[in-house]
Amino acid sequence: MPRRRDRAAPPPRKGGWDCRFANNTAANSWEQLSASIPNSVRAAWEFITADPRHRNKRQHPLRGRFARATANGMELPQWQYEVTGGGRIWYCIDDDKKTVWLTAVHTGHPKATE
């Protein structure tokens, strides 16, 4: 079972971004979401690790109190990838380490943002 700071999925491509879990809850939720919709989660991983700052209707920065979060001991900008109509992946971007930290993985629409 993956844990905090473990790599999410395969290693990064040459020149790509590393993707790691910021906490155990994100790691466990990643496993649940991956089991239920594996193709969509794989596509999300591909988009996030290729260009974590790409903006479209599925991938965008979070706003307000969710705009920043702590990952690996640093406060970083937090983004969201909408995997499904309800499923979301929240992640922070660490430019110095070229790492995307998965901070939260929601199998349904996050209640906190309603």
N, C-alpha and C. Protein backbone atom coordinates (compact mmCIF):
# COMPACT_ATOMS: atom_id res chain seq x y z
N MET A 1 0.83 -1.18 0.00
CA MET A 1 0.00 0.00 0.00
C MET A 1 0.89 1.25 0.00
N PRO A 2 0.64 2.20 -0.90
CA PRO A 2 1.48 3.40 -0.95
C PRO A 2 1.29 4.27 0.30
N ARG A 3 2.32 5.05 0.58
CA ARG A 3 2.30 5.91 1.74
C ARG A 3 2.83 7.29 1.37
N ARG A 4 2.79 8.17 2.34
CA ARG A 4 3.26 9.54 2.14
C ARG A 4 4.68 9.54 1.57
N ARG A 5 4.91 10.40 0.62
CA ARG A 5 6.17 10.61 -0.08
C ARG A 5 6.51 9.51 -1.09
N ASP A 6 5.68 8.46 -1.18
CA ASP A 6 5.89 7.43 -2.21
C ASP A 6 5.51 8.01 -3.57
N ARG A 7 6.06 7.43 -4.60
CA ARG A 7 5.76 7.84 -5.96
C ARG A 7 4.38 7.32 -6.35
N ALA A 8 3.61 8.13 -7.05
CA ALA A 8 2.31 7.73 -7.58
C ALA A 8 2.52 7.25 -9.01
N ALA A 9 2.25 5.98 -9.24
CA ALA A 9 2.36 5.37 -10.57
C ALA A 9 3.82 5.25 -11.02
N PRO A 10 4.05 5.19 -12.33
CA PRO A 10 5.42 4.95 -12.81
C PRO A 10 6.35 6.14 -12.59
N PRO A 11 7.65 5.92 -12.74
CA PRO A 11 8.61 7.04 -12.61
C PRO A 11 8.38 8.06 -13.72
N PRO A 12 8.86 9.27 -13.50
CA PRO A 12 8.64 10.31 -14.51
C PRO A 12 9.38 10.01 -15.82
N ARG A 13 8.80 10.52 -16.89
CA ARG A 13 9.48 10.44 -18.18
C ARG A 13 10.69 11.37 -18.15
N LYS A 14 11.59 11.17 -19.05
CA LYS A 14 12.73 12.09 -19.17
C LYS A 14 12.19 13.49 -19.42
N GLY A 15 12.56 14.42 -18.56
CA GLY A 15 12.08 15.79 -18.68
C GLY A 15 10.70 16.01 -18.07
N GLY A 16 10.04 14.94 -17.59
CA GLY A 16 8.70 15.05 -17.02
C GLY A 16 8.75 15.34 -15.53
N TRP A 17 7.59 15.43 -14.95
CA TRP A 17 7.43 15.74 -13.54
C TRP A 17 7.25 14.45 -12.73
N ASP A 18 7.87 14.42 -11.56
CA ASP A 18 7.66 13.33 -10.62
C ASP A 18 6.32 13.57 -9.93
N CYS A 19 5.63 12.51 -9.55
CA CYS A 19 4.33 12.63 -8.90
C CYS A 19 4.36 11.79 -7.63
N ARG A 20 4.17 12.45 -6.48
CA ARG A 20 4.27 11.77 -5.18
C ARG A 20 3.08 12.15 -4.30
N PHE A 21 2.84 11.31 -3.30
CA PHE A 21 1.76 11.56 -2.35
C PHE A 21 2.23 12.48 -1.24
N ALA A 22 1.45 13.52 -0.96
CA ALA A 22 1.77 14.44 0.13
C ALA A 22 1.38 13.87 1.48
N ASN A 23 0.46 12.90 1.49
CA ASN A 23 0.00 12.32 2.76
C ASN A 23 -0.59 10.94 2.51
N ASN A 24 -0.79 10.19 3.59
CA ASN A 24 -1.31 8.83 3.48
C ASN A 24 -2.76 8.80 2.99
N THR A 25 -3.55 9.80 3.36
CA THR A 25 -4.94 9.85 2.92
C THR A 25 -5.02 9.96 1.40
N ALA A 26 -4.20 10.80 0.82
CA ALA A 26 -4.18 10.93 -0.64
C ALA A 26 -3.75 9.62 -1.29
N ALA A 27 -2.77 8.94 -0.69
CA ALA A 27 -2.30 7.66 -1.23
C ALA A 27 -3.41 6.62 -1.22
N ASN A 28 -4.12 6.52 -0.12
CA ASN A 28 -5.21 5.54 -0.02
C ASN A 28 -6.35 5.87 -0.97
N SER A 29 -6.71 7.14 -1.05
CA SER A 29 -7.80 7.55 -1.94
C SER A 29 -7.41 7.35 -3.40
N TRP A 30 -6.13 7.55 -3.73
CA TRP A 30 -5.63 7.30 -5.09
C TRP A 30 -5.88 5.85 -5.48
N GLU A 31 -5.59 4.96 -4.56
CA GLU A 31 -5.79 3.53 -4.82
C GLU A 31 -7.27 3.23 -5.06
N GLN A 32 -8.16 3.83 -4.27
CA GLN A 32 -9.60 3.61 -4.43
C GLN A 32 -10.08 4.15 -5.77
N LEU A 33 -9.67 5.36 -6.11
CA LEU A 33 -10.09 5.97 -7.38
C LEU A 33 -9.52 5.18 -8.56
N SER A 34 -8.27 4.75 -8.45
CA SER A 34 -7.65 3.97 -9.52
C SER A 34 -8.36 2.65 -9.74
N ALA A 35 -8.83 2.04 -8.68
CA ALA A 35 -9.54 0.76 -8.80
C ALA A 35 -10.90 0.94 -9.48
N SER A 36 -11.54 2.08 -9.25
CA SER A 36 -12.88 2.27 -9.80
C SER A 36 -12.89 2.82 -11.23
N ILE A 37 -11.93 3.68 -11.57
CA ILE A 37 -11.88 4.24 -12.92
C ILE A 37 -10.43 4.32 -13.40
N PRO A 38 -9.80 3.18 -13.64
CA PRO A 38 -8.36 3.16 -13.95
C PRO A 38 -7.97 3.97 -15.18
N ASN A 39 -8.73 3.92 -16.24
CA ASN A 39 -8.35 4.65 -17.46
C ASN A 39 -8.39 6.16 -17.25
N SER A 40 -9.38 6.63 -16.53
CA SER A 40 -9.49 8.08 -16.26
C SER A 40 -8.37 8.56 -15.34
N VAL A 41 -8.02 7.74 -14.35
CA VAL A 41 -6.94 8.11 -13.44
C VAL A 41 -5.60 8.12 -14.18
N ARG A 42 -5.41 7.15 -15.05
CA ARG A 42 -4.16 7.12 -15.84
C ARG A 42 -4.07 8.36 -16.73
N ALA A 43 -5.19 8.73 -17.36
CA ALA A 43 -5.19 9.93 -18.21
C ALA A 43 -4.88 11.18 -17.37
N ALA A 44 -5.46 11.26 -16.17
CA ALA A 44 -5.19 12.40 -15.28
C ALA A 44 -3.71 12.45 -14.93
N TRP A 45 -3.14 11.30 -14.59
CA TRP A 45 -1.71 11.23 -14.26
C TRP A 45 -0.87 11.72 -15.44
N GLU A 46 -1.24 11.28 -16.65
CA GLU A 46 -0.50 11.70 -17.86
C GLU A 46 -0.53 13.22 -18.03
N PHE A 47 -1.71 13.82 -17.89
CA PHE A 47 -1.84 15.27 -18.05
C PHE A 47 -1.08 16.02 -16.97
N ILE A 48 -1.24 15.59 -15.72
CA ILE A 48 -0.61 16.29 -14.60
C ILE A 48 0.91 16.23 -14.69
N THR A 49 1.46 15.07 -15.01
CA THR A 49 2.92 14.93 -15.05
C THR A 49 3.53 15.51 -16.32
N ALA A 50 2.74 15.68 -17.35
CA ALA A 50 3.25 16.30 -18.58
C ALA A 50 3.35 17.82 -18.42
N ASP A 51 2.31 18.43 -17.85
CA ASP A 51 2.29 19.88 -17.68
C ASP A 51 1.34 20.22 -16.53
N PRO A 52 1.83 20.27 -15.30
CA PRO A 52 0.94 20.50 -14.17
C PRO A 52 0.26 21.86 -14.15
N ARG A 53 0.73 22.81 -14.95
CA ARG A 53 0.11 24.14 -15.00
C ARG A 53 -0.74 24.37 -16.25
N HIS A 54 -1.00 23.33 -16.99
CA HIS A 54 -1.86 23.47 -18.16
C HIS A 54 -3.27 23.83 -17.68
N ARG A 55 -3.88 24.79 -18.34
CA ARG A 55 -5.24 25.21 -17.96
C ARG A 55 -6.24 24.79 -19.03
N ASN A 56 -7.26 24.10 -18.58
CA ASN A 56 -8.42 23.79 -19.41
C ASN A 56 -9.61 23.58 -18.48
N LYS A 57 -10.72 23.06 -18.99
CA LYS A 57 -11.88 22.94 -18.10
C LYS A 57 -11.71 21.87 -17.03
N ARG A 58 -10.78 20.94 -17.22
CA ARG A 58 -10.53 19.90 -16.21
C ARG A 58 -9.39 20.25 -15.26
N GLN A 59 -8.42 21.02 -15.71
CA GLN A 59 -7.19 21.27 -14.95
C GLN A 59 -7.03 22.76 -14.74
N HIS A 60 -7.02 23.17 -13.48
CA HIS A 60 -6.92 24.60 -13.17
C HIS A 60 -6.50 24.81 -11.73
N PRO A 61 -5.98 26.02 -11.41
CA PRO A 61 -5.60 26.29 -10.03
C PRO A 61 -6.84 26.43 -9.15
N LEU A 62 -6.71 26.03 -7.91
CA LEU A 62 -7.79 26.23 -6.95
C LEU A 62 -7.73 27.68 -6.46
N ARG A 63 -8.84 28.17 -5.95
CA ARG A 63 -8.92 29.57 -5.51
C ARG A 63 -9.26 29.65 -4.03
N GLY A 64 -9.18 30.87 -3.53
CA GLY A 64 -9.56 31.14 -2.14
C GLY A 64 -8.69 30.39 -1.15
N ARG A 65 -9.34 29.83 -0.14
CA ARG A 65 -8.58 29.15 0.92
C ARG A 65 -7.91 27.87 0.45
N PHE A 66 -8.27 27.38 -0.74
CA PHE A 66 -7.67 26.16 -1.28
C PHE A 66 -6.54 26.45 -2.26
N ALA A 67 -6.23 27.72 -2.50
CA ALA A 67 -5.23 28.10 -3.50
C ALA A 67 -3.81 27.67 -3.14
N ARG A 68 -3.55 27.46 -1.86
CA ARG A 68 -2.23 27.03 -1.41
C ARG A 68 -2.41 25.92 -0.38
N ALA A 69 -1.44 25.02 -0.34
CA ALA A 69 -1.46 23.93 0.64
C ALA A 69 -0.02 23.57 0.98
N THR A 70 0.13 22.80 2.04
CA THR A 70 1.45 22.38 2.48
C THR A 70 1.72 20.97 1.97
N ALA A 71 2.87 20.82 1.33
CA ALA A 71 3.32 19.51 0.84
C ALA A 71 4.82 19.42 1.03
N ASN A 72 5.27 18.33 1.58
CA ASN A 72 6.69 18.11 1.84
C ASN A 72 7.30 19.26 2.65
N GLY A 73 6.52 19.80 3.58
CA GLY A 73 6.99 20.86 4.46
C GLY A 73 7.02 22.25 3.87
N MET A 74 6.47 22.42 2.67
CA MET A 74 6.48 23.74 2.01
C MET A 74 5.06 24.14 1.63
N GLU A 75 4.78 25.44 1.71
CA GLU A 75 3.50 25.94 1.23
C GLU A 75 3.65 26.20 -0.27
N LEU A 76 2.77 25.58 -1.05
CA LEU A 76 2.87 25.62 -2.51
C LEU A 76 1.51 25.92 -3.14
N PRO A 77 1.51 26.37 -4.40
CA PRO A 77 0.24 26.57 -5.09
C PRO A 77 -0.46 25.22 -5.30
N GLN A 78 -1.79 25.23 -5.13
CA GLN A 78 -2.55 23.99 -5.26
C GLN A 78 -3.48 24.07 -6.48
N TRP A 79 -3.49 23.00 -7.24
CA TRP A 79 -4.30 22.89 -8.44
C TRP A 79 -5.26 21.72 -8.32
N GLN A 80 -6.17 21.65 -9.28
CA GLN A 80 -7.15 20.58 -9.32
C GLN A 80 -7.23 19.99 -10.72
N TYR A 81 -7.39 18.68 -10.76
CA TYR A 81 -7.71 17.99 -12.01
C TYR A 81 -9.03 17.27 -11.78
N GLU A 82 -10.02 17.57 -12.62
CA GLU A 82 -11.33 16.93 -12.52
C GLU A 82 -11.30 15.63 -13.32
N VAL A 83 -11.24 14.52 -12.60
CA VAL A 83 -11.13 13.21 -13.23
C VAL A 83 -12.47 12.79 -13.84
N THR A 84 -13.55 13.02 -13.08
CA THR A 84 -14.91 12.70 -13.53
C THR A 84 -15.79 13.87 -13.13
N GLY A 85 -17.09 13.73 -13.32
CA GLY A 85 -18.02 14.78 -12.89
C GLY A 85 -17.89 15.10 -11.42
N GLY A 86 -17.51 14.12 -10.60
CA GLY A 86 -17.36 14.35 -9.17
C GLY A 86 -15.94 14.14 -8.68
N GLY A 87 -15.21 13.20 -9.26
CA GLY A 87 -13.86 12.86 -8.79
C GLY A 87 -12.86 13.96 -9.07
N ARG A 88 -12.03 14.24 -8.07
CA ARG A 88 -11.04 15.32 -8.19
C ARG A 88 -9.69 14.85 -7.64
N ILE A 89 -8.64 15.38 -8.25
CA ILE A 89 -7.28 15.21 -7.73
C ILE A 89 -6.77 16.62 -7.44
N TRP A 90 -6.37 16.86 -6.21
CA TRP A 90 -5.76 18.13 -5.82
C TRP A 90 -4.27 17.89 -5.67
N TYR A 91 -3.49 18.84 -6.18
CA TYR A 91 -2.04 18.66 -6.14
C TYR A 91 -1.33 19.99 -6.02
N CYS A 92 -0.15 19.95 -5.41
CA CYS A 92 0.72 21.12 -5.29
C CYS A 92 1.90 20.95 -6.24
N ILE A 93 2.41 22.08 -6.69
CA ILE A 93 3.49 22.09 -7.66
C ILE A 93 4.77 22.62 -7.01
N ASP A 94 5.80 21.78 -6.97
CA ASP A 94 7.11 22.15 -6.44
C ASP A 94 8.06 22.29 -7.62
N ASP A 95 8.25 23.52 -8.07
CA ASP A 95 9.11 23.79 -9.23
C ASP A 95 10.56 23.41 -8.98
N ASP A 96 11.05 23.66 -7.77
CA ASP A 96 12.46 23.38 -7.48
C ASP A 96 12.81 21.91 -7.64
N LYS A 97 11.92 21.04 -7.22
CA LYS A 97 12.17 19.59 -7.31
C LYS A 97 11.48 18.95 -8.51
N LYS A 98 10.77 19.79 -9.30
CA LYS A 98 9.99 19.31 -10.44
C LYS A 98 9.12 18.11 -10.03
N THR A 99 8.40 18.36 -8.91
CA THR A 99 7.55 17.32 -8.33
C THR A 99 6.14 17.86 -8.13
N VAL A 100 5.18 17.02 -8.45
CA VAL A 100 3.78 17.28 -8.19
C VAL A 100 3.41 16.45 -6.96
N TRP A 101 2.90 17.11 -5.92
CA TRP A 101 2.51 16.44 -4.67
C TRP A 101 1.00 16.30 -4.63
N LEU A 102 0.50 15.07 -4.64
CA LEU A 102 -0.94 14.84 -4.54
C LEU A 102 -1.36 15.08 -3.09
N THR A 103 -2.17 16.12 -2.89
CA THR A 103 -2.58 16.51 -1.54
C THR A 103 -3.92 15.90 -1.15
N ALA A 104 -4.80 15.68 -2.12
CA ALA A 104 -6.11 15.09 -1.85
C ALA A 104 -6.62 14.44 -3.11
N VAL A 105 -7.26 13.31 -2.94
CA VAL A 105 -7.91 12.61 -4.06
C VAL A 105 -9.33 12.33 -3.61
N HIS A 106 -10.29 12.88 -4.34
CA HIS A 106 -11.70 12.77 -3.97
C HIS A 106 -12.41 11.86 -4.97
N THR A 107 -13.08 10.84 -4.46
CA THR A 107 -13.83 9.93 -5.34
C THR A 107 -15.16 10.56 -5.73
N GLY A 108 -15.62 11.56 -4.99
CA GLY A 108 -16.81 12.33 -5.32
C GLY A 108 -16.48 13.81 -5.18
N HIS A 109 -17.42 14.66 -5.55
CA HIS A 109 -17.17 16.11 -5.46
C HIS A 109 -16.83 16.48 -4.03
N PRO A 110 -15.71 17.23 -3.82
CA PRO A 110 -15.30 17.59 -2.45
C PRO A 110 -16.35 18.50 -1.78
N LYS A 111 -16.82 18.09 -0.63
CA LYS A 111 -17.84 18.85 0.10
C LYS A 111 -17.33 20.23 0.49
N ALA A 112 -16.05 20.35 0.78
CA ALA A 112 -15.48 21.63 1.24
C ALA A 112 -15.61 22.74 0.20
N THR A 113 -15.75 22.41 -1.07
CA THR A 113 -15.81 23.42 -2.12
C THR A 113 -17.24 23.78 -2.52
N GLU A 114 -18.21 23.14 -1.89
CA GLU A 114 -19.62 23.44 -2.25
C GLU A 114 -20.08 24.73 -1.64
